[in-house]
Amino acid sequence: MDEQDNVREMSEGEARSFEGITLDADGEPERKGTRYKTYGDSTLLKVLRTVIDFPNASLLWKIAITLGAAALAAFLFFVVVPSLFVVLGALGVAWLILRLLR
């Protein structure tokens, strides 16, 4: 029995879910165009992937960008947001005092 007898074309669903190398009709390897599986159309994930995954960027550059983004997020979460609560609280107290003085 020849090996060609067991060869069949993949269905569209099989081709979409297949992770690996397929051979075209001429026997040449055909590689998928994307490196990553996508699990939705999240805009934030697309932006992060675009910023972090430069094709010619070194690993050090990717780490630096990731650490910078994490530092910015930490600054916003631990400094800016609490500061806004303090300012809003002070404005609320001032409003109450002015309301009582009228």
PDB file of N, CA and C in Angstrom:
ATOM      1  N   MET A   1       0.854  -1.184   0.000  1.00  0.00           N
ATOM      2  CA  MET A   1       0.000   0.000   0.000  1.00  0.00           C
ATOM      3  C   MET A   1       0.887   1.229   0.000  1.00  0.00           C
ATOM      4  N   ASP A   2       0.596   2.138  -0.870  1.00  0.00           N
ATOM      5  CA  ASP A   2       1.399   3.354  -1.026  1.00  0.00           C
ATOM      6  C   ASP A   2       0.999   4.393   0.015  1.00  0.00           C
ATOM      7  N   GLU A   3       1.966   5.213   0.426  1.00  0.00           N
ATOM      8  CA  GLU A   3       1.699   6.246   1.431  1.00  0.00           C
ATOM      9  C   GLU A   3       0.748   7.316   0.884  1.00  0.00           C
ATOM     10  N   GLN A   4       0.728   7.519  -0.406  1.00  0.00           N
ATOM     11  CA  GLN A   4      -0.150   8.517  -1.023  1.00  0.00           C
ATOM     12  C   GLN A   4      -1.622   8.138  -0.878  1.00  0.00           C
ATOM     13  N   ASP A   5      -1.922   6.874  -0.695  1.00  0.00           N
ATOM     14  CA  ASP A   5      -3.305   6.449  -0.557  1.00  0.00           C
ATOM     15  C   ASP A   5      -3.940   6.968   0.731  1.00  0.00           C
ATOM     16  N   ASN A   6      -3.129   7.229   1.762  1.00  0.00           N
ATOM     17  CA  ASN A   6      -3.641   7.703   3.038  1.00  0.00           C
ATOM     18  C   ASN A   6      -3.698   9.222   3.129  1.00  0.00           C
ATOM     19  N   VAL A   7      -3.293   9.903   2.105  1.00  0.00           N
ATOM     20  CA  VAL A   7      -3.237  11.371   2.127  1.00  0.00           C
ATOM     21  C   VAL A   7      -4.584  11.922   1.707  1.00  0.00           C
ATOM     22  N   ARG A   8      -5.070  12.884   2.469  1.00  0.00           N
ATOM     23  CA  ARG A   8      -6.309  13.566   2.091  1.00  0.00           C
ATOM     24  C   ARG A   8      -6.167  15.037   2.434  1.00  0.00           C
ATOM     25  N   GLU A   9      -6.995  15.842   1.811  1.00  0.00           N
ATOM     26  CA  GLU A   9      -6.985  17.281   2.072  1.00  0.00           C
ATOM     27  C   GLU A   9      -7.753  17.553   3.361  1.00  0.00           C
ATOM     28  N   MET A  10      -7.197  18.491   4.182  1.00  0.00           N
ATOM     29  CA  MET A  10      -7.861  18.834   5.444  1.00  0.00           C
ATOM     30  C   MET A  10      -9.108  19.669   5.166  1.00  0.00           C
ATOM     31  N   SER A  11     -10.084  19.488   6.026  1.00  0.00           N
ATOM     32  CA  SER A  11     -11.274  20.321   5.922  1.00  0.00           C
ATOM     33  C   SER A  11     -10.919  21.730   6.399  1.00  0.00           C
ATOM     34  N   GLU A  12     -11.803  22.670   6.168  1.00  0.00           N
ATOM     35  CA  GLU A  12     -11.554  24.057   6.571  1.00  0.00           C
ATOM     36  C   GLU A  12     -11.387  24.172   8.086  1.00  0.00           C
ATOM     37  N   GLY A  13     -12.202  23.476   8.850  1.00  0.00           N
ATOM     38  CA  GLY A  13     -12.094  23.494  10.314  1.00  0.00           C
ATOM     39  C   GLY A  13     -10.785  22.890  10.796  1.00  0.00           C
ATOM     40  N   GLU A  14     -10.372  21.785  10.178  1.00  0.00           N
ATOM     41  CA  GLU A  14      -9.091  21.171  10.545  1.00  0.00           C
ATOM     42  C   GLU A  14      -7.930  22.106  10.226  1.00  0.00           C
ATOM     43  N   ALA A  15      -7.991  22.764   9.083  1.00  0.00           N
ATOM     44  CA  ALA A  15      -6.914  23.677   8.682  1.00  0.00           C
ATOM     45  C   ALA A  15      -6.808  24.858   9.635  1.00  0.00           C
ATOM     46  N   ARG A  16      -7.959  25.370  10.113  1.00  0.00           N
ATOM     47  CA  ARG A  16      -7.949  26.511  11.042  1.00  0.00           C
ATOM     48  C   ARG A  16      -7.348  26.129  12.384  1.00  0.00           C
ATOM     49  N   SER A  17      -7.655  24.929  12.866  1.00  0.00           N
ATOM     50  CA  SER A  17      -7.207  24.537  14.202  1.00  0.00           C
ATOM     51  C   SER A  17      -5.852  23.839  14.191  1.00  0.00           C
ATOM     52  N   PHE A  18      -5.314  23.562  13.018  1.00  0.00           N
ATOM     53  CA  PHE A  18      -4.044  22.850  12.923  1.00  0.00           C
ATOM     54  C   PHE A  18      -2.890  23.756  13.292  1.00  0.00           C
ATOM     55  N   GLU A  19      -2.020  23.275  14.172  1.00  0.00           N
ATOM     56  CA  GLU A  19      -0.835  24.021  14.566  1.00  0.00           C
ATOM     57  C   GLU A  19       0.379  23.237  14.100  1.00  0.00           C
ATOM     58  N   GLY A  20       0.988  23.669  13.036  1.00  0.00           N
ATOM     59  CA  GLY A  20       2.156  22.959  12.538  1.00  0.00           C
ATOM     60  C   GLY A  20       2.417  23.319  11.101  1.00  0.00           C
ATOM     61  N   ILE A  21       3.104  22.432  10.430  1.00  0.00           N
ATOM     62  CA  ILE A  21       3.473  22.668   9.035  1.00  0.00           C
ATOM     63  C   ILE A  21       2.658  21.722   8.168  1.00  0.00           C
ATOM     64  N   THR A  22       2.077  22.270   7.123  1.00  0.00           N
ATOM     65  CA  THR A  22       1.363  21.443   6.155  1.00  0.00           C
ATOM     66  C   THR A  22       2.160  21.458   4.859  1.00  0.00           C
ATOM     67  N   LEU A  23       1.872  20.523   4.000  1.00  0.00           N
ATOM     68  CA  LEU A  23       2.528  20.466   2.697  1.00  0.00           C
ATOM     69  C   LEU A  23       1.504  20.807   1.629  1.00  0.00           C
ATOM     70  N   ASP A  24       1.922  21.656   0.696  1.00  0.00           N
ATOM     71  CA  ASP A  24       1.009  21.957  -0.402  1.00  0.00           C
ATOM     72  C   ASP A  24       1.089  20.831  -1.429  1.00  0.00           C
ATOM     73  N   ALA A  25       0.417  20.998  -2.540  1.00  0.00           N
ATOM     74  CA  ALA A  25       0.342  19.934  -3.539  1.00  0.00           C
ATOM     75  C   ALA A  25       1.711  19.588  -4.119  1.00  0.00           C
ATOM     76  N   ASP A  26       2.635  20.535  -4.129  1.00  0.00           N
ATOM     77  CA  ASP A  26       3.970  20.287  -4.685  1.00  0.00           C
ATOM     78  C   ASP A  26       4.924  19.684  -3.667  1.00  0.00           C
ATOM     79  N   GLY A  27       4.484  19.511  -2.419  1.00  0.00           N
ATOM     80  CA  GLY A  27       5.336  18.952  -1.391  1.00  0.00           C
ATOM     81  C   GLY A  27       6.148  19.985  -0.626  1.00  0.00           C
ATOM     82  N   GLU A  28       5.924  21.260  -0.902  1.00  0.00           N
ATOM     83  CA  GLU A  28       6.638  22.329  -0.208  1.00  0.00           C
ATOM     84  C   GLU A  28       5.938  22.643   1.113  1.00  0.00           C
ATOM     85  N   PRO A  29       6.723  22.911   2.188  1.00  0.00           N
ATOM     86  CA  PRO A  29       6.077  23.253   3.472  1.00  0.00           C
ATOM     87  C   PRO A  29       5.359  24.593   3.401  1.00  0.00           C
ATOM     88  N   GLU A  30       4.209  24.651   4.014  1.00  0.00           N
ATOM     89  CA  GLU A  30       3.420  25.886   4.079  1.00  0.00           C
ATOM     90  C   GLU A  30       3.274  26.242   5.548  1.00  0.00           C
ATOM     91  N   ARG A  31       3.787  27.387   5.938  1.00  0.00           N
ATOM     92  CA  ARG A  31       3.736  27.794   7.336  1.00  0.00           C
ATOM     93  C   ARG A  31       2.589  28.775   7.537  1.00  0.00           C
ATOM     94  N   LYS A  32       2.004  28.705   8.722  1.00  0.00           N
ATOM     95  CA  LYS A  32       0.940  29.646   9.054  1.00  0.00           C
ATOM     96  C   LYS A  32       1.501  31.048   9.149  1.00  0.00           C
ATOM     97  N   GLY A  33       0.669  32.049   8.855  1.00  0.00           N
ATOM     98  CA  GLY A  33       1.121  33.429   8.852  1.00  0.00           C
ATOM     99  C   GLY A  33       1.245  34.058  10.228  1.00  0.00           C
ATOM    100  N   THR A  34       0.592  33.531  11.231  1.00  0.00           N
ATOM    101  CA  THR A  34       0.633  34.154  12.551  1.00  0.00           C
ATOM    102  C   THR A  34       1.417  33.288  13.515  1.00  0.00           C
ATOM    103  N   ARG A  35       2.053  33.945  14.467  1.00  0.00           N
ATOM    104  CA  ARG A  35       2.819  33.241  15.482  1.00  0.00           C
ATOM    105  C   ARG A  35       1.966  32.910  16.688  1.00  0.00           C
ATOM    106  N   TYR A  36       0.877  33.621  16.888  1.00  0.00           N
ATOM    107  CA  TYR A  36       0.097  33.490  18.106  1.00  0.00           C
ATOM    108  C   TYR A  36      -1.342  33.119  17.776  1.00  0.00           C
ATOM    109  N   LYS A  37      -1.939  32.367  18.673  1.00  0.00           N
ATOM    110  CA  LYS A  37      -3.374  32.135  18.582  1.00  0.00           C
ATOM    111  C   LYS A  37      -4.086  33.368  19.096  1.00  0.00           C
ATOM    112  N   THR A  38      -5.177  33.724  18.483  1.00  0.00           N
ATOM    113  CA  THR A  38      -5.956  34.844  18.985  1.00  0.00           C
ATOM    114  C   THR A  38      -7.171  34.287  19.704  1.00  0.00           C
ATOM    115  N   TYR A  39      -7.478  34.867  20.849  1.00  0.00           N
ATOM    116  CA  TYR A  39      -8.602  34.405  21.655  1.00  0.00           C
ATOM    117  C   TYR A  39      -9.657  35.487  21.766  1.00  0.00           C
ATOM    118  N   GLY A  40      -9.861  36.239  20.744  1.00  0.00           N
ATOM    119  CA  GLY A  40     -10.842  37.304  20.768  1.00  0.00           C
ATOM    120  C   GLY A  40     -10.287  38.529  20.065  1.00  0.00           C
ATOM    121  N   ASP A  41     -11.109  39.516  19.930  1.00  0.00           N
ATOM    122  CA  ASP A  41     -10.718  40.727  19.227  1.00  0.00           C
ATOM    123  C   ASP A  41     -10.524  41.885  20.193  1.00  0.00           C
ATOM    124  N   SER A  42      -9.851  41.650  21.302  1.00  0.00           N
ATOM    125  CA  SER A  42      -9.630  42.702  22.281  1.00  0.00           C
ATOM    126  C   SER A  42      -8.678  43.749  21.724  1.00  0.00           C
ATOM    127  N   THR A  43      -9.118  44.992  21.707  1.00  0.00           N
ATOM    128  CA  THR A  43      -8.292  46.071  21.184  1.00  0.00           C
ATOM    129  C   THR A  43      -7.047  46.257  22.038  1.00  0.00           C
ATOM    130  N   LEU A  44      -7.190  46.143  23.355  1.00  0.00           N
ATOM    131  CA  LEU A  44      -6.036  46.303  24.239  1.00  0.00           C
ATOM    132  C   LEU A  44      -4.982  45.251  23.942  1.00  0.00           C
ATOM    133  N   LEU A  45      -5.387  44.006  23.729  1.00  0.00           N
ATOM    134  CA  LEU A  45      -4.424  42.960  23.415  1.00  0.00           C
ATOM    135  C   LEU A  45      -3.749  43.207  22.080  1.00  0.00           C
ATOM    136  N   LYS A  46      -4.492  43.707  21.098  1.00  0.00           N
ATOM    137  CA  LYS A  46      -3.890  44.021  19.807  1.00  0.00           C
ATOM    138  C   LYS A  46      -2.853  45.122  19.938  1.00  0.00           C
ATOM    139  N   VAL A  47      -3.166  46.159  20.726  1.00  0.00           N
ATOM    140  CA  VAL A  47      -2.224  47.262  20.921  1.00  0.00           C
ATOM    141  C   VAL A  47      -0.986  46.774  21.659  1.00  0.00           C
ATOM    142  N   LEU A  48      -1.179  45.997  22.732  1.00  0.00           N
ATOM    143  CA  LEU A  48      -0.038  45.475  23.474  1.00  0.00           C
ATOM    144  C   LEU A  48       0.842  44.585  22.604  1.00  0.00           C
ATOM    145  N   ARG A  49       0.218  43.731  21.817  1.00  0.00           N
ATOM    146  CA  ARG A  49       0.992  42.857  20.942  1.00  0.00           C
ATOM    147  C   ARG A  49       1.763  43.673  19.914  1.00  0.00           C
ATOM    148  N   THR A  50       1.153  44.738  19.393  1.00  0.00           N
ATOM    149  CA  THR A  50       1.829  45.584  18.416  1.00  0.00           C
ATOM    150  C   THR A  50       2.999  46.316  19.046  1.00  0.00           C
ATOM    151  N   VAL A  51       2.812  46.846  20.255  1.00  0.00           N
ATOM    152  CA  VAL A  51       3.875  47.598  20.919  1.00  0.00           C
ATOM    153  C   VAL A  51       5.013  46.690  21.340  1.00  0.00           C
ATOM    154  N   ILE A  52       4.694  45.542  21.922  1.00  0.00           N
ATOM    155  CA  ILE A  52       5.727  44.678  22.481  1.00  0.00           C
ATOM    156  C   ILE A  52       6.390  43.813  21.410  1.00  0.00           C
ATOM    157  N   ASP A  53       5.670  43.399  20.394  1.00  0.00           N
ATOM    158  CA  ASP A  53       6.196  42.416  19.454  1.00  0.00           C
ATOM    159  C   ASP A  53       6.702  43.056  18.166  1.00  0.00           C
ATOM    160  N   PHE A  54       7.655  43.970  18.275  1.00  0.00           N
ATOM    161  CA  PHE A  54       8.303  44.475  17.073  1.00  0.00           C
ATOM    162  C   PHE A  54       9.089  43.330  16.451  1.00  0.00           C
ATOM    163  N   PRO A  55       9.047  43.186  15.142  1.00  0.00           N
ATOM    164  CA  PRO A  55       9.733  42.044  14.523  1.00  0.00           C
ATOM    165  C   PRO A  55      11.246  42.058  14.741  1.00  0.00           C
ATOM    166  N   ASN A  56      11.863  43.238  14.758  1.00  0.00           N
ATOM    167  CA  ASN A  56      13.318  43.310  14.878  1.00  0.00           C
ATOM    168  C   ASN A  56      13.776  43.713  16.273  1.00  0.00           C
ATOM    169  N   ALA A  57      12.875  43.759  17.230  1.00  0.00           N
ATOM    170  CA  ALA A  57      13.230  44.200  18.575  1.00  0.00           C
ATOM    171  C   ALA A  57      13.937  43.080  19.340  1.00  0.00           C
ATOM    172  N   SER A  58      14.889  43.487  20.158  1.00  0.00           N
ATOM    173  CA  SER A  58      15.598  42.503  20.968  1.00  0.00           C
ATOM    174  C   SER A  58      14.765  42.157  22.195  1.00  0.00           C
ATOM    175  N   LEU A  59      15.154  41.094  22.850  1.00  0.00           N
ATOM    176  CA  LEU A  59      14.450  40.675  24.065  1.00  0.00           C
ATOM    177  C   LEU A  59      14.571  41.743  25.140  1.00  0.00           C
ATOM    178  N   LEU A  60      15.729  42.391  25.214  1.00  0.00           N
ATOM    179  CA  LEU A  60      15.938  43.447  26.203  1.00  0.00           C
ATOM    180  C   LEU A  60      14.963  44.603  25.976  1.00  0.00           C
ATOM    181  N   TRP A  61      14.732  44.960  24.719  1.00  0.00           N
ATOM    182  CA  TRP A  61      13.791  46.040  24.392  1.00  0.00           C
ATOM    183  C   TRP A  61      12.373  45.646  24.809  1.00  0.00           C
ATOM    184  N   LYS A  62      11.986  44.415  24.541  1.00  0.00           N
ATOM    185  CA  LYS A  62      10.645  43.949  24.905  1.00  0.00           C
ATOM    186  C   LYS A  62      10.463  43.962  26.419  1.00  0.00           C
ATOM    187  N   ILE A  63      11.502  43.547  27.147  1.00  0.00           N
ATOM    188  CA  ILE A  63      11.431  43.557  28.610  1.00  0.00           C
ATOM    189  C   ILE A  63      11.331  44.992  29.116  1.00  0.00           C
ATOM    190  N   ALA A  64      12.101  45.902  28.526  1.00  0.00           N
ATOM    191  CA  ALA A  64      12.071  47.305  28.948  1.00  0.00           C
ATOM    192  C   ALA A  64      10.697  47.922  28.703  1.00  0.00           C
ATOM    193  N   ILE A  65      10.085  47.656  27.572  1.00  0.00           N
ATOM    194  CA  ILE A  65       8.753  48.186  27.271  1.00  0.00           C
ATOM    195  C   ILE A  65       7.729  47.617  28.250  1.00  0.00           C
ATOM    196  N   THR A  66       7.815  46.330  28.538  1.00  0.00           N
ATOM    197  CA  THR A  66       6.876  45.696  29.465  1.00  0.00           C
ATOM    198  C   THR A  66       7.025  46.270  30.873  1.00  0.00           C
ATOM    199  N   LEU A  67       8.273  46.433  31.332  1.00  0.00           N
ATOM    200  CA  LEU A  67       8.499  47.008  32.659  1.00  0.00           C
ATOM    201  C   LEU A  67       8.048  48.462  32.723  1.00  0.00           C
ATOM    202  N   GLY A  68       8.261  49.212  31.648  1.00  0.00           N
ATOM    203  CA  GLY A  68       7.797  50.600  31.607  1.00  0.00           C
ATOM    204  C   GLY A  68       6.279  50.695  31.689  1.00  0.00           C
ATOM    205  N   ALA A  69       5.595  49.820  30.955  1.00  0.00           N
ATOM    206  CA  ALA A  69       4.128  49.808  31.001  1.00  0.00           C
ATOM    207  C   ALA A  69       3.633  49.408  32.388  1.00  0.00           C
ATOM    208  N   ALA A  70       4.305  48.439  33.005  1.00  0.00           N
ATOM    209  CA  ALA A  70       3.917  48.018  34.357  1.00  0.00           C
ATOM    210  C   ALA A  70       4.164  49.139  35.365  1.00  0.00           C
ATOM    211  N   ALA A  71       5.273  49.873  35.206  1.00  0.00           N
ATOM    212  CA  ALA A  71       5.560  50.995  36.112  1.00  0.00           C
ATOM    213  C   ALA A  71       4.523  52.102  35.944  1.00  0.00           C
ATOM    214  N   LEU A  72       4.137  52.381  34.718  1.00  0.00           N
ATOM    215  CA  LEU A  72       3.120  53.402  34.464  1.00  0.00           C
ATOM    216  C   LEU A  72       1.776  52.990  35.074  1.00  0.00           C
ATOM    217  N   ALA A  73       1.409  51.730  34.910  1.00  0.00           N
ATOM    218  CA  ALA A  73       0.150  51.239  35.484  1.00  0.00           C
ATOM    219  C   ALA A  73       0.193  51.302  37.011  1.00  0.00           C
ATOM    220  N   ALA A  74       1.328  50.932  37.605  1.00  0.00           N
ATOM    221  CA  ALA A  74       1.463  50.992  39.062  1.00  0.00           C
ATOM    222  C   ALA A  74       1.386  52.437  39.555  1.00  0.00           C
ATOM    223  N   PHE A  75       2.020  53.361  38.839  1.00  0.00           N
ATOM    224  CA  PHE A  75       1.969  54.777  39.210  1.00  0.00           C
ATOM    225  C   PHE A  75       0.531  55.293  39.173  1.00  0.00           C
ATOM    226  N   LEU A  76      -0.174  54.956  38.114  1.00  0.00           N
ATOM    227  CA  LEU A  76      -1.570  55.388  38.015  1.00  0.00           C
ATOM    228  C   LEU A  76      -2.409  54.801  39.135  1.00  0.00           C
ATOM    229  N   PHE A  77      -2.214  53.521  39.422  1.00  0.00           N
ATOM    230  CA  PHE A  77      -3.041  52.842  40.418  1.00  0.00           C
ATOM    231  C   PHE A  77      -2.720  53.274  41.844  1.00  0.00           C
ATOM    232  N   PHE A  78      -1.431  53.433  42.167  1.00  0.00           N
ATOM    233  CA  PHE A  78      -1.040  53.707  43.542  1.00  0.00           C
ATOM    234  C   PHE A  78      -0.829  55.185  43.858  1.00  0.00           C
ATOM    235  N   VAL A  79      -0.716  56.053  42.861  1.00  0.00           N
ATOM    236  CA  VAL A  79      -0.472  57.473  43.125  1.00  0.00           C
ATOM    237  C   VAL A  79      -1.625  58.345  42.626  1.00  0.00           C
ATOM    238  N   VAL A  80      -1.966  58.217  41.357  1.00  0.00           N
ATOM    239  CA  VAL A  80      -2.958  59.113  40.764  1.00  0.00           C
ATOM    240  C   VAL A  80      -4.358  58.847  41.318  1.00  0.00           C
ATOM    241  N   VAL A  81      -4.774  57.603  41.347  1.00  0.00           N
ATOM    242  CA  VAL A  81      -6.130  57.290  41.809  1.00  0.00           C
ATOM    243  C   VAL A  81      -6.322  57.663  43.283  1.00  0.00           C
ATOM    244  N   PRO A  82      -5.400  57.315  44.195  1.00  0.00           N
ATOM    245  CA  PRO A  82      -5.584  57.762  45.581  1.00  0.00           C
ATOM    246  C   PRO A  82      -5.562  59.291  45.717  1.00  0.00           C
ATOM    247  N   SER A  83      -4.741  59.950  44.925  1.00  0.00           N
ATOM    248  CA  SER A  83      -4.705  61.421  44.965  1.00  0.00           C
ATOM    249  C   SER A  83      -6.044  62.009  44.551  1.00  0.00           C
ATOM    250  N   LEU A  84      -6.646  61.420  43.537  1.00  0.00           N
ATOM    251  CA  LEU A  84      -7.964  61.891  43.109  1.00  0.00           C
ATOM    252  C   LEU A  84      -9.002  61.694  44.209  1.00  0.00           C
ATOM    253  N   PHE A  85      -8.944  60.563  44.919  1.00  0.00           N
ATOM    254  CA  PHE A  85      -9.876  60.347  46.025  1.00  0.00           C
ATOM    255  C   PHE A  85      -9.665  61.372  47.134  1.00  0.00           C
ATOM    256  N   VAL A  86      -8.413  61.707  47.430  1.00  0.00           N
ATOM    257  CA  VAL A  86      -8.130  62.707  48.466  1.00  0.00           C
ATOM    258  C   VAL A  86      -8.664  64.066  48.047  1.00  0.00           C
ATOM    259  N   VAL A  87      -8.427  64.451  46.798  1.00  0.00           N
ATOM    260  CA  VAL A  87      -8.913  65.750  46.303  1.00  0.00           C
ATOM    261  C   VAL A  87     -10.436  65.778  46.315  1.00  0.00           C
ATOM    262  N   LEU A  88     -11.070  64.715  45.856  1.00  0.00           N
ATOM    263  CA  LEU A  88     -12.538  64.671  45.868  1.00  0.00           C
ATOM    264  C   LEU A  88     -13.082  64.698  47.297  1.00  0.00           C
ATOM    265  N   GLY A  89     -12.409  64.002  48.207  1.00  0.00           N
ATOM    266  CA  GLY A  89     -12.827  64.038  49.613  1.00  0.00           C
ATOM    267  C   GLY A  89     -12.694  65.432  50.197  1.00  0.00           C
ATOM    268  N   ALA A  90     -11.592  66.128  49.896  1.00  0.00           N
ATOM    269  CA  ALA A  90     -11.394  67.491  50.397  1.00  0.00           C
ATOM    270  C   ALA A  90     -12.438  68.438  49.819  1.00  0.00           C
ATOM    271  N   LEU A  91     -12.753  68.268  48.546  1.00  0.00           N
ATOM    272  CA  LEU A  91     -13.795  69.101  47.937  1.00  0.00           C
ATOM    273  C   LEU A  91     -15.154  68.823  48.579  1.00  0.00           C
ATOM    274  N   GLY A  92     -15.428  67.565  48.884  1.00  0.00           N
ATOM    275  CA  GLY A  92     -16.685  67.217  49.538  1.00  0.00           C
ATOM    276  C   GLY A  92     -16.782  67.822  50.933  1.00  0.00           C
ATOM    277  N   VAL A  93     -15.697  67.769  51.702  1.00  0.00           N
ATOM    278  CA  VAL A  93     -15.688  68.370  53.039  1.00  0.00           C
ATOM    279  C   VAL A  93     -15.854  69.880  52.941  1.00  0.00           C
ATOM    280  N   ALA A  94     -15.152  70.501  52.007  1.00  0.00           N
ATOM    281  CA  ALA A  94     -15.274  71.953  51.825  1.00  0.00           C
ATOM    282  C   ALA A  94     -16.705  72.323  51.443  1.00  0.00           C
ATOM    283  N   TRP A  95     -17.309  71.533  50.581  1.00  0.00           N
ATOM    284  CA  TRP A  95     -18.695  71.806  50.170  1.00  0.00           C
ATOM    285  C   TRP A  95     -19.637  71.693  51.383  1.00  0.00           C
ATOM    286  N   LEU A  96     -19.430  70.654  52.208  1.00  0.00           N
ATOM    287  CA  LEU A  96     -20.268  70.499  53.395  1.00  0.00           C
ATOM    288  C   LEU A  96     -20.090  71.668  54.371  1.00  0.00           C
ATOM    289  N   ILE A  97     -18.863  72.108  54.586  1.00  0.00           N
ATOM    290  CA  ILE A  97     -18.622  73.232  55.491  1.00  0.00           C
ATOM    291  C   ILE A  97     -19.273  74.497  54.967  1.00  0.00           C
ATOM    292  N   LEU A  98     -19.107  74.758  53.672  1.00  0.00           N
ATOM    293  CA  LEU A  98     -19.727  75.947  53.087  1.00  0.00           C
ATOM    294  C   LEU A  98     -21.243  75.854  53.127  1.00  0.00           C
ATOM    295  N   ARG A  99     -21.781  74.675  52.976  1.00  0.00           N
ATOM    296  CA  ARG A  99     -23.222  74.492  53.030  1.00  0.00           C
ATOM    297  C   ARG A  99     -23.759  74.751  54.457  1.00  0.00           C
ATOM    298  N   LEU A 100     -22.995  74.330  55.464  1.00  0.00           N
ATOM    299  CA  LEU A 100     -23.400  74.569  56.858  1.00  0.00           C
ATOM    300  C   LEU A 100     -23.273  76.030  57.252  1.00  0.00           C
ATOM    301  N   LEU A 101     -22.347  76.752  56.675  1.00  0.00           N
ATOM    302  CA  LEU A 101     -22.158  78.158  57.010  1.00  0.00           C
ATOM    303  C   LEU A 101     -23.190  79.077  56.392  1.00  0.00           C
ATOM    304  N   ARG A 102     -23.936  78.671  55.462  1.00  0.00           N
ATOM    305  CA  ARG A 102     -24.934  79.521  54.817  1.00  0.00           C
ATOM    306  C   ARG A 102     -26.106  79.751  55.680  1.00  0.00           C
TER     307      ARG A 102
END
